[in-house]
């Protein structure tokens, strides 16, 4: 075997080793990025759920005083509307 063939085969072996190790580092970085993105998405869903729960448990006073005055609205409540009108016009 000549020295040229030894150098060629050594370069080929080193290239294959480098390619394998580089591909592993890229794959692990992509997995870590995917895991981070998934965690952030879950955290965002948890925060939205907490906000909705807090909104259900502690309704704001402004929304409690809002009375729907449109009779065609499905949330229209005649009793609440009449109480509001009677408070405004004694």
PDB file of N, CA and C in Angstrom:
ATOM      1  N   UNK A   1       0.836  -1.175   0.000  1.00  0.00           N
ATOM      2  CA  UNK A   1       0.000   0.000   0.000  1.00  0.00           C
ATOM      3  C   UNK A   1       0.883   1.240   0.000  1.00  0.00           C
ATOM      4  N   UNK A   2       0.491   2.188  -0.768  1.00  0.00           N
ATOM      5  CA  UNK A   2       1.300   3.392  -0.823  1.00  0.00           C
ATOM      6  C   UNK A   2       0.791   4.404   0.198  1.00  0.00           C
ATOM      7  N   UNK A   3       1.580   5.383   0.457  1.00  0.00           N
ATOM      8  CA  UNK A   3       1.239   6.415   1.432  1.00  0.00           C
ATOM      9  C   UNK A   3       0.035   7.223   0.957  1.00  0.00           C
ATOM     10  N   UNK A   4      -0.122   7.374  -0.338  1.00  0.00           N
ATOM     11  CA  UNK A   4      -1.248   8.128  -0.886  1.00  0.00           C
ATOM     12  C   UNK A   4      -2.562   7.433  -0.557  1.00  0.00           C
ATOM     13  N   UNK A   5      -2.604   6.115  -0.712  1.00  0.00           N
ATOM     14  CA  UNK A   5      -3.821   5.371  -0.386  1.00  0.00           C
ATOM     15  C   UNK A   5      -4.139   5.441   1.098  1.00  0.00           C
ATOM     16  N   UNK A   6      -3.142   5.400   1.943  1.00  0.00           N
ATOM     17  CA  UNK A   6      -3.359   5.498   3.387  1.00  0.00           C
ATOM     18  C   UNK A   6      -3.946   6.861   3.733  1.00  0.00           C
ATOM     19  N   UNK A   7      -3.437   7.905   3.125  1.00  0.00           N
ATOM     20  CA  UNK A   7      -3.944   9.256   3.383  1.00  0.00           C
ATOM     21  C   UNK A   7      -5.378   9.379   2.882  1.00  0.00           C
ATOM     22  N   UNK A   8      -5.666   8.833   1.698  1.00  0.00           N
ATOM     23  CA  UNK A   8      -7.014   8.895   1.143  1.00  0.00           C
ATOM     24  C   UNK A   8      -8.017   8.169   2.031  1.00  0.00           C
ATOM     25  N   UNK A   9      -7.663   6.949   2.459  1.00  0.00           N
ATOM     26  CA  UNK A   9      -8.570   6.179   3.301  1.00  0.00           C
ATOM     27  C   UNK A   9      -8.727   6.830   4.674  1.00  0.00           C
ATOM     28  N   UNK A  10      -7.672   7.415   5.187  1.00  0.00           N
ATOM     29  CA  UNK A  10      -7.755   8.118   6.478  1.00  0.00           C
ATOM     30  C   UNK A  10      -8.672   9.334   6.356  1.00  0.00           C
ATOM     31  N   UNK A  11      -8.534  10.086   5.266  1.00  0.00           N
ATOM     32  CA  UNK A  11      -9.390  11.255   5.051  1.00  0.00           C
ATOM     33  C   UNK A  11     -10.851  10.829   4.901  1.00  0.00           C
ATOM     34  N   UNK A  12     -11.072   9.724   4.182  1.00  0.00           N
ATOM     35  CA  UNK A  12     -12.426   9.224   4.031  1.00  0.00           C
ATOM     36  C   UNK A  12     -13.014   8.819   5.381  1.00  0.00           C
ATOM     37  N   UNK A  13     -12.254   8.105   6.171  1.00  0.00           N
ATOM     38  CA  UNK A  13     -12.714   7.682   7.497  1.00  0.00           C
ATOM     39  C   UNK A  13     -13.004   8.866   8.396  1.00  0.00           C
ATOM     40  N   UNK A  14     -12.114   9.854   8.390  1.00  0.00           N
ATOM     41  CA  UNK A  14     -12.334  11.058   9.202  1.00  0.00           C
ATOM     42  C   UNK A  14     -13.558  11.832   8.712  1.00  0.00           C
ATOM     43  N   UNK A  15     -13.767  11.881   7.412  1.00  0.00           N
ATOM     44  CA  UNK A  15     -14.929  12.572   6.862  1.00  0.00           C
ATOM     45  C   UNK A  15     -16.227  11.895   7.262  1.00  0.00           C
ATOM     46  N   UNK A  16     -16.234  10.577   7.206  1.00  0.00           N
ATOM     47  CA  UNK A  16     -17.428   9.836   7.619  1.00  0.00           C
ATOM     48  C   UNK A  16     -17.688  10.041   9.104  1.00  0.00           C
ATOM     49  N   UNK A  17     -16.651   9.986   9.921  1.00  0.00           N
ATOM     50  CA  UNK A  17     -16.793  10.198  11.359  1.00  0.00           C
ATOM     51  C   UNK A  17     -17.303  11.609  11.655  1.00  0.00           C
ATOM     52  N   UNK A  18     -16.707  12.615  10.963  1.00  0.00           N
ATOM     53  CA  UNK A  18     -17.147  13.994  11.167  1.00  0.00           C
ATOM     54  C   UNK A  18     -18.613  14.156  10.744  1.00  0.00           C
ATOM     55  N   UNK A  19     -18.995  13.604   9.607  1.00  0.00           N
ATOM     56  CA  UNK A  19     -20.376  13.711   9.132  1.00  0.00           C
ATOM     57  C   UNK A  19     -21.353  13.073  10.102  1.00  0.00           C
ATOM     58  N   UNK A  20     -20.984  11.914  10.628  1.00  0.00           N
ATOM     59  CA  UNK A  20     -21.845  11.227  11.590  1.00  0.00           C
ATOM     60  C   UNK A  20     -22.006  12.055  12.861  1.00  0.00           C
ATOM     61  N   UNK A  21     -20.898  12.558  13.403  1.00  0.00           N
ATOM     62  CA  UNK A  21     -20.979  13.329  14.650  1.00  0.00           C
ATOM     63  C   UNK A  21     -21.709  14.661  14.425  1.00  0.00           C
ATOM     64  N   UNK A  22     -21.486  15.292  13.276  1.00  0.00           N
ATOM     65  CA  UNK A  22     -22.162  16.554  12.986  1.00  0.00           C
ATOM     66  C   UNK A  22     -23.674  16.339  12.837  1.00  0.00           C
ATOM     67  N   UNK A  23     -24.059  15.267  12.167  1.00  0.00           N
ATOM     68  CA  UNK A  23     -25.481  14.953  12.009  1.00  0.00           C
ATOM     69  C   UNK A  23     -26.139  14.682  13.354  1.00  0.00           C
ATOM     70  N   UNK A  24     -25.426  14.008  14.253  1.00  0.00           N
ATOM     71  CA  UNK A  24     -25.974  13.758  15.598  1.00  0.00           C
ATOM     72  C   UNK A  24     -26.178  15.055  16.354  1.00  0.00           C
ATOM     73  N   UNK A  25     -25.234  16.003  16.233  1.00  0.00           N
ATOM     74  CA  UNK A  25     -25.391  17.271  16.941  1.00  0.00           C
ATOM     75  C   UNK A  25     -26.557  18.080  16.366  1.00  0.00           C
ATOM     76  N   UNK A  26     -26.735  18.050  15.052  1.00  0.00           N
ATOM     77  CA  UNK A  26     -27.861  18.753  14.437  1.00  0.00           C
ATOM     78  C   UNK A  26     -29.183  18.141  14.894  1.00  0.00           C
ATOM     79  N   UNK A  27     -29.258  16.818  14.903  1.00  0.00           N
ATOM     80  CA  UNK A  27     -30.482  16.131  15.313  1.00  0.00           C
ATOM     81  C   UNK A  27     -30.815  16.429  16.769  1.00  0.00           C
ATOM     82  N   UNK A  28     -29.815  16.421  17.637  1.00  0.00           N
ATOM     83  CA  UNK A  28     -30.087  16.703  19.054  1.00  0.00           C
ATOM     84  C   UNK A  28     -30.515  18.154  19.246  1.00  0.00           C
ATOM     85  N   UNK A  29     -29.955  19.071  18.479  1.00  0.00           N
ATOM     86  CA  UNK A  29     -30.371  20.472  18.583  1.00  0.00           C
ATOM     87  C   UNK A  29     -31.815  20.634  18.124  1.00  0.00           C
ATOM     88  N   UNK A  30     -32.191  19.929  17.056  1.00  0.00           N
ATOM     89  CA  UNK A  30     -33.573  19.999  16.579  1.00  0.00           C
ATOM     90  C   UNK A  30     -34.540  19.397  17.588  1.00  0.00           C
ATOM     91  N   UNK A  31     -34.162  18.304  18.214  1.00  0.00           N
ATOM     92  CA  UNK A  31     -35.026  17.697  19.237  1.00  0.00           C
ATOM     93  C   UNK A  31     -35.195  18.637  20.428  1.00  0.00           C
ATOM     94  N   UNK A  32     -34.108  19.296  20.827  1.00  0.00           N
ATOM     95  CA  UNK A  32     -34.192  20.225  21.950  1.00  0.00           C
ATOM     96  C   UNK A  32     -35.083  21.412  21.595  1.00  0.00           C
ATOM     97  N   UNK A  33     -34.968  21.923  20.390  1.00  0.00           N
ATOM     98  CA  UNK A  33     -35.803  23.033  19.950  1.00  0.00           C
ATOM     99  C   UNK A  33     -37.273  22.621  19.905  1.00  0.00           C
ATOM    100  N   UNK A  34     -37.541  21.430  19.416  1.00  0.00           N
ATOM    101  CA  UNK A  34     -38.916  20.926  19.364  1.00  0.00           C
ATOM    102  C   UNK A  34     -39.483  20.767  20.775  1.00  0.00           C
ATOM    103  N   UNK A  35     -38.687  20.250  21.687  1.00  0.00           N
ATOM    104  CA  UNK A  35     -39.149  20.075  23.065  1.00  0.00           C
ATOM    105  C   UNK A  35     -39.418  21.433  23.715  1.00  0.00           C
ATOM    106  N   UNK A  36     -38.569  22.421  23.445  1.00  0.00           N
ATOM    107  CA  UNK A  36     -38.764  23.760  24.008  1.00  0.00           C
ATOM    108  C   UNK A  36     -40.043  24.383  23.445  1.00  0.00           C
ATOM    109  N   UNK A  37     -40.253  24.228  22.146  1.00  0.00           N
ATOM    110  CA  UNK A  37     -41.452  24.781  21.518  1.00  0.00           C
ATOM    111  C   UNK A  37     -42.716  24.110  22.078  1.00  0.00           C
ATOM    112  N   UNK A  38     -42.664  22.807  22.255  1.00  0.00           N
ATOM    113  CA  UNK A  38     -43.803  22.082  22.808  1.00  0.00           C
ATOM    114  C   UNK A  38     -44.089  22.523  24.246  1.00  0.00           C
ATOM    115  N   UNK A  39     -43.043  22.728  25.037  1.00  0.00           N
ATOM    116  CA  UNK A  39     -43.203  23.189  26.416  1.00  0.00           C
ATOM    117  C   UNK A  39     -43.835  24.582  26.436  1.00  0.00           C
ATOM    118  N   UNK A  40     -43.361  25.483  25.569  1.00  0.00           N
ATOM    119  CA  UNK A  40     -43.922  26.833  25.530  1.00  0.00           C
ATOM    120  C   UNK A  40     -45.394  26.800  25.118  1.00  0.00           C
ATOM    121  N   UNK A  41     -45.750  25.933  24.183  1.00  0.00           N
ATOM    122  CA  UNK A  41     -47.137  25.809  23.755  1.00  0.00           C
ATOM    123  C   UNK A  41     -48.015  25.316  24.911  1.00  0.00           C
ATOM    124  N   UNK A  42     -47.538  24.313  25.629  1.00  0.00           N
ATOM    125  CA  UNK A  42     -48.301  23.803  26.773  1.00  0.00           C
ATOM    126  C   UNK A  42     -48.435  24.870  27.852  1.00  0.00           C
ATOM    127  N   UNK A  43     -47.361  25.636  28.082  1.00  0.00           N
ATOM    128  CA  UNK A  43     -47.399  26.693  29.083  1.00  0.00           C
ATOM    129  C   UNK A  43     -48.398  27.780  28.679  1.00  0.00           C
ATOM    130  N   UNK A  44     -48.453  28.083  27.397  1.00  0.00           N
ATOM    131  CA  UNK A  44     -49.415  29.065  26.909  1.00  0.00           C
ATOM    132  C   UNK A  44     -50.846  28.573  27.117  1.00  0.00           C
ATOM    133  N   UNK A  45     -51.093  27.298  26.859  1.00  0.00           N
ATOM    134  CA  UNK A  45     -52.431  26.744  27.080  1.00  0.00           C
ATOM    135  C   UNK A  45     -52.797  26.769  28.562  1.00  0.00           C
ATOM    136  N   UNK A  46     -51.844  26.459  29.415  1.00  0.00           N
ATOM    137  CA  UNK A  46     -52.088  26.489  30.862  1.00  0.00           C
ATOM    138  C   UNK A  46     -52.422  27.905  31.307  1.00  0.00           C
ATOM    139  N   UNK A  47     -51.681  28.895  30.805  1.00  0.00           N
ATOM    140  CA  UNK A  47     -51.941  30.288  31.185  1.00  0.00           C
ATOM    141  C   UNK A  47     -53.317  30.742  30.708  1.00  0.00           C
ATOM    142  N   UNK A  48     -53.716  30.325  29.496  1.00  0.00           N
ATOM    143  CA  UNK A  48     -55.048  30.675  29.009  1.00  0.00           C
ATOM    144  C   UNK A  48     -56.126  30.032  29.874  1.00  0.00           C
ATOM    145  N   UNK A  49     -55.910  28.782  30.253  1.00  0.00           N
ATOM    146  CA  UNK A  49     -56.885  28.088  31.097  1.00  0.00           C
ATOM    147  C   UNK A  49     -56.989  28.754  32.465  1.00  0.00           C
ATOM    148  N   UNK A  50     -55.863  29.164  33.023  1.00  0.00           N
ATOM    149  CA  UNK A  50     -55.885  29.858  34.315  1.00  0.00           C
ATOM    150  C   UNK A  50     -56.636  31.179  34.212  1.00  0.00           C
ATOM    151  N   UNK A  51     -56.423  31.898  33.119  1.00  0.00           N
ATOM    152  CA  UNK A  51     -57.117  33.176  32.940  1.00  0.00           C
ATOM    153  C   UNK A  51     -58.620  32.963  32.805  1.00  0.00           C
ATOM    154  N   UNK A  52     -59.021  31.958  32.056  1.00  0.00           N
ATOM    155  CA  UNK A  52     -60.446  31.666  31.906  1.00  0.00           C
ATOM    156  C   UNK A  52     -61.068  31.225  33.234  1.00  0.00           C
ATOM    157  N   UNK A  53     -60.330  30.428  33.988  1.00  0.00           N
ATOM    158  CA  UNK A  53     -60.827  29.979  35.297  1.00  0.00           C
ATOM    159  C   UNK A  53     -60.990  31.172  36.233  1.00  0.00           C
ATOM    160  N   UNK A  54     -60.004  32.059  36.230  1.00  0.00           N
ATOM    161  CA  UNK A  54     -60.097  33.236  37.086  1.00  0.00           C
ATOM    162  C   UNK A  54     -61.260  34.123  36.658  1.00  0.00           C
ATOM    163  N   UNK A  55     -61.498  34.198  35.360  1.00  0.00           N
ATOM    164  CA  UNK A  55     -62.601  35.002  34.862  1.00  0.00           C
ATOM    165  C   UNK A  55     -63.941  34.397  35.286  1.00  0.00           C
ATOM    166  N   UNK A  56     -64.013  33.071  35.307  1.00  0.00           N
ATOM    167  CA  UNK A  56     -65.257  32.416  35.723  1.00  0.00           C
ATOM    168  C   UNK A  56     -65.489  32.538  37.223  1.00  0.00           C
ATOM    169  N   UNK A  57     -64.429  32.405  37.997  1.00  0.00           N
ATOM    170  CA  UNK A  57     -64.566  32.451  39.458  1.00  0.00           C
ATOM    171  C   UNK A  57     -64.761  33.862  39.982  1.00  0.00           C
ATOM    172  N   UNK A  58     -64.114  34.840  39.380  1.00  0.00           N
ATOM    173  CA  UNK A  58     -64.186  36.222  39.848  1.00  0.00           C
ATOM    174  C   UNK A  58     -64.581  37.125  38.684  1.00  0.00           C
ATOM    175  N   UNK A  59     -65.852  37.200  38.352  1.00  0.00           N
ATOM    176  CA  UNK A  59     -66.244  38.080  37.245  1.00  0.00           C
ATOM    177  C   UNK A  59     -66.005  39.538  37.616  1.00  0.00           C
ATOM    178  N   UNK A  60     -65.625  40.315  36.654  1.00  0.00           N
ATOM    179  CA  UNK A  60     -65.348  41.722  36.928  1.00  0.00           C
ATOM    180  C   UNK A  60     -66.658  42.448  37.233  1.00  0.00           C
ATOM    181  N   UNK A  61     -66.606  43.465  38.087  1.00  0.00           N
ATOM    182  CA  UNK A  61     -67.830  44.173  38.459  1.00  0.00           C
ATOM    183  C   UNK A  61     -68.477  44.868  37.261  1.00  0.00           C
ATOM    184  N   UNK A  62     -67.705  45.309  36.297  1.00  0.00           N
ATOM    185  CA  UNK A  62     -68.275  45.985  35.138  1.00  0.00           C
ATOM    186  C   UNK A  62     -69.134  45.024  34.329  1.00  0.00           C
ATOM    187  N   UNK A  63     -68.674  43.779  34.188  1.00  0.00           N
ATOM    188  CA  UNK A  63     -69.458  42.823  33.410  1.00  0.00           C
ATOM    189  C   UNK A  63     -70.711  42.390  34.169  1.00  0.00           C
ATOM    190  N   UNK A  64     -70.707  42.462  35.492  1.00  0.00           N
ATOM    191  CA  UNK A  64     -71.888  42.098  36.269  1.00  0.00           C
ATOM    192  C   UNK A  64     -72.959  43.183  36.142  1.00  0.00           C
ATOM    193  N   UNK A  65     -72.555  44.449  35.943  1.00  0.00           N
ATOM    194  CA  UNK A  65     -73.508  45.548  35.829  1.00  0.00           C
ATOM    195  C   UNK A  65     -73.982  45.760  34.404  1.00  0.00           C
ATOM    196  N   UNK A  66     -73.330  45.168  33.448  1.00  0.00           N
ATOM    197  CA  UNK A  66     -73.757  45.304  32.057  1.00  0.00           C
ATOM    198  C   UNK A  66     -75.048  44.532  31.857  1.00  0.00           C
ATOM    199  N   UNK A  67     -76.024  45.219  31.326  1.00  0.00           N
ATOM    200  CA  UNK A  67     -77.320  44.605  31.057  1.00  0.00           C
ATOM    201  C   UNK A  67     -77.566  44.703  29.564  1.00  0.00           C
ATOM    202  N   UNK A  68     -77.931  43.603  28.976  1.00  0.00           N
ATOM    203  CA  UNK A  68     -78.223  43.581  27.551  1.00  0.00           C
ATOM    204  C   UNK A  68     -79.564  44.255  27.329  1.00  0.00           C
ATOM    205  N   UNK A  69     -79.575  45.297  26.504  1.00  0.00           N
ATOM    206  CA  UNK A  69     -80.815  46.034  26.280  1.00  0.00           C
ATOM    207  C   UNK A  69     -81.453  45.709  24.933  1.00  0.00           C
ATOM    208  N   UNK A  70     -80.854  44.840  24.175  1.00  0.00           N
ATOM    209  CA  UNK A  70     -81.395  44.433  22.876  1.00  0.00           C
ATOM    210  C   UNK A  70     -82.292  43.216  23.073  1.00  0.00           C
ATOM    211  N   UNK A  71     -83.596  43.347  22.837  1.00  0.00           N
ATOM    212  CA  UNK A  71     -84.505  42.215  23.075  1.00  0.00           C
ATOM    213  C   UNK A  71     -84.279  41.039  22.125  1.00  0.00           C
ATOM    214  N   UNK A  72     -83.628  41.268  20.993  1.00  0.00           N
ATOM    215  CA  UNK A  72     -83.376  40.153  20.072  1.00  0.00           C
ATOM    216  C   UNK A  72     -82.127  39.370  20.449  1.00  0.00           C
ATOM    217  N   UNK A  73     -81.355  39.877  21.407  1.00  0.00           N
ATOM    218  CA  UNK A  73     -80.148  39.173  21.866  1.00  0.00           C
ATOM    219  C   UNK A  73     -80.554  37.973  22.711  1.00  0.00           C
ATOM    220  N   UNK A  74     -79.906  36.802  22.516  1.00  0.00           N
ATOM    221  CA  UNK A  74     -80.277  35.621  23.317  1.00  0.00           C
ATOM    222  C   UNK A  74     -79.953  35.778  24.805  1.00  0.00           C
ATOM    223  N   UNK A  75     -79.085  36.710  25.160  1.00  0.00           N
ATOM    224  CA  UNK A  75     -78.730  36.928  26.562  1.00  0.00           C
ATOM    225  C   UNK A  75     -79.598  37.998  27.226  1.00  0.00           C
ATOM    226  N   UNK A  76     -80.609  38.474  26.543  1.00  0.00           N
ATOM    227  CA  UNK A  76     -81.494  39.502  27.084  1.00  0.00           C
ATOM    228  C   UNK A  76     -82.296  38.952  28.253  1.00  0.00           C
ATOM    229  N   UNK A  77     -82.273  39.719  29.355  1.00  0.00           N
ATOM    230  CA  UNK A  77     -83.044  39.339  30.540  1.00  0.00           C
ATOM    231  C   UNK A  77     -83.941  40.524  30.899  1.00  0.00           C
ATOM    232  N   UNK A  78     -85.236  40.352  30.749  1.00  0.00           N
ATOM    233  CA  UNK A  78     -86.193  41.435  30.960  1.00  0.00           C
ATOM    234  C   UNK A  78     -86.157  41.945  32.392  1.00  0.00           C
ATOM    235  N   UNK A  79     -86.040  41.040  33.342  1.00  0.00           N
ATOM    236  CA  UNK A  79     -86.025  41.455  34.750  1.00  0.00           C
ATOM    237  C   UNK A  79     -84.821  42.347  35.053  1.00  0.00           C
ATOM    238  N   UNK A  80     -83.640  41.960  34.588  1.00  0.00           N
ATOM    239  CA  UNK A  80     -82.447  42.781  34.812  1.00  0.00           C
ATOM    240  C   UNK A  80     -82.577  44.135  34.117  1.00  0.00           C
ATOM    241  N   UNK A  81     -83.143  44.112  32.921  1.00  0.00           N
ATOM    242  CA  UNK A  81     -83.314  45.360  32.180  1.00  0.00           C
ATOM    243  C   UNK A  81     -84.264  46.301  32.915  1.00  0.00           C
ATOM    244  N   UNK A  82     -85.368  45.762  33.406  1.00  0.00           N
ATOM    245  CA  UNK A  82     -86.331  46.609  34.122  1.00  0.00           C
ATOM    246  C   UNK A  82     -85.747  47.129  35.430  1.00  0.00           C
ATOM    247  N   UNK A  83     -84.956  46.320  36.129  1.00  0.00           N
ATOM    248  CA  UNK A  83     -84.304  46.799  37.352  1.00  0.00           C
ATOM    249  C   UNK A  83     -83.319  47.921  37.059  1.00  0.00           C
ATOM    250  N   UNK A  84     -82.602  47.787  35.967  1.00  0.00           N
ATOM    251  CA  UNK A  84     -81.638  48.829  35.587  1.00  0.00           C
ATOM    252  C   UNK A  84     -82.362  50.123  35.262  1.00  0.00           C
ATOM    253  N   UNK A  85     -83.455  50.034  34.514  1.00  0.00           N
ATOM    254  CA  UNK A  85     -84.232  51.221  34.137  1.00  0.00           C
ATOM    255  C   UNK A  85     -84.833  51.871  35.375  1.00  0.00           C
ATOM    256  N   UNK A  86     -85.304  51.071  36.315  1.00  0.00           N
ATOM    257  CA  UNK A  86     -85.906  51.630  37.526  1.00  0.00           C
ATOM    258  C   UNK A  86     -84.847  52.304  38.406  1.00  0.00           C
ATOM    259  N   UNK A  87     -83.634  51.829  38.379  1.00  0.00           N
ATOM    260  CA  UNK A  87     -82.570  52.468  39.166  1.00  0.00           C
ATOM    261  C   UNK A  87     -82.148  53.779  38.519  1.00  0.00           C
ATOM    262  N   UNK A  88     -82.159  53.816  37.189  1.00  0.00           N
ATOM    263  CA  UNK A  88     -81.747  55.034  36.489  1.00  0.00           C
ATOM    264  C   UNK A  88     -82.828  56.102  36.563  1.00  0.00           C
ATOM    265  N   UNK A  89     -84.086  55.710  36.558  1.00  0.00           N
ATOM    266  CA  UNK A  89     -85.217  56.658  36.566  1.00  0.00           C
ATOM    267  C   UNK A  89     -86.111  56.388  37.773  1.00  0.00           C
ATOM    268  N   UNK A  90     -85.774  56.956  38.912  1.00  0.00           N
ATOM    269  CA  UNK A  90     -86.578  56.674  40.125  1.00  0.00           C
ATOM    270  C   UNK A  90     -87.930  57.318  40.123  1.00  0.00           C
TER     271      UNK A  90
END
